[in-house]
Amino acid sequence: MSRRSLRGFLHFELLATLEQDFLCEFFDMKAMLLAAGRGERMRPLTDHTPKPLLTVGGKPLIVWHIENLVRAGITDLVINHAHLGAQIEKTLGDGSRFGAHIQYSAEGTALETAGGIAYALHLLGNEPFAVINGDIFCDYDFARLRDRTEKLKSNGDSAHLVLVNNPPQHPDGDFHLHDSRIVDPCNLRLTSNDSRLTFSGIGLYQPGMFAGITRGNKTPLAPLLRAQIALGKVSGDHHQGLWVDVGTPQRLEELDRQVRSLHNAS
């Protein structure tokens, strides 16, 4: 990750939020932040602290997301939790200090991604909603998801995924992106320009995609996505800015060092 990318992100993070006030008055969209995972790869850090509350630049990972969502005019948030979930609720509260309204979906035992989303459907409503992994760090403009909701509602798609360049720990990627559509990697009609990209953990979904999941069942997201991709019902875009999967203590330490360094220099 380059210092230029981080510097640009921190500059963006400090911009005035006048546009946010206008958007919040006229736009209503919900977003779910995934915070229920145990964080096995982050142990021993996650033995006593839930992964989304681990800090980067003196701020919990999940708070970076909350602030960026609010800046994009998305203030109605749902956060699921399981492992040490009480800490998350105590730290974030009702969200008012961030300019947000937070509701919690307490799973008890983590239900995996699709299972967790299905468990929270009664909080997410009947309109398309965003879902963001709580353990990534990025400068993606969430307003782009907000702007895609009407298109998702009108074109019959089930989901829109944000893809990123493959990180060193995941060199083979997940999906192909061809003409703004997510394509099955087994499709032999792809050209040499359609290299695989990695799913960022940021997406926009129709609630009906999860309606068939029995509430409380553990259900992974990947099989549902692949089924919808096979039907040609998933669009995508390629984010080429800052994105880090903070999946190990080493990556967390490196990211924290870079963010603190740039804050101190500014």
Foldseek 3Di string as FASTA:
>chain_A
DDLVLLLVLVVVLPDDQPVLVVLLVPDEAEEEEEQADQLPQAPPVSVPPGQQQDDFQRGGLQVLVQLLCSSLNYAEYEYEYARVVVVVCVVCPQVVVSVHGYDYQYLNHDQADLLSCLQCDVSRDQFKHKYAYSQKHFSDRCNVVVVCRVVLVPPVAFKEFEWEAADPVGNQADFWADPQFTADPVPPPDDPVGGHTHTQRIMIGGPVLSVPDDRSHRDYDVVSVVVRNVVRRYGYDYDYGDMGRNNHPVSSVVSRVSNNVSVVVD
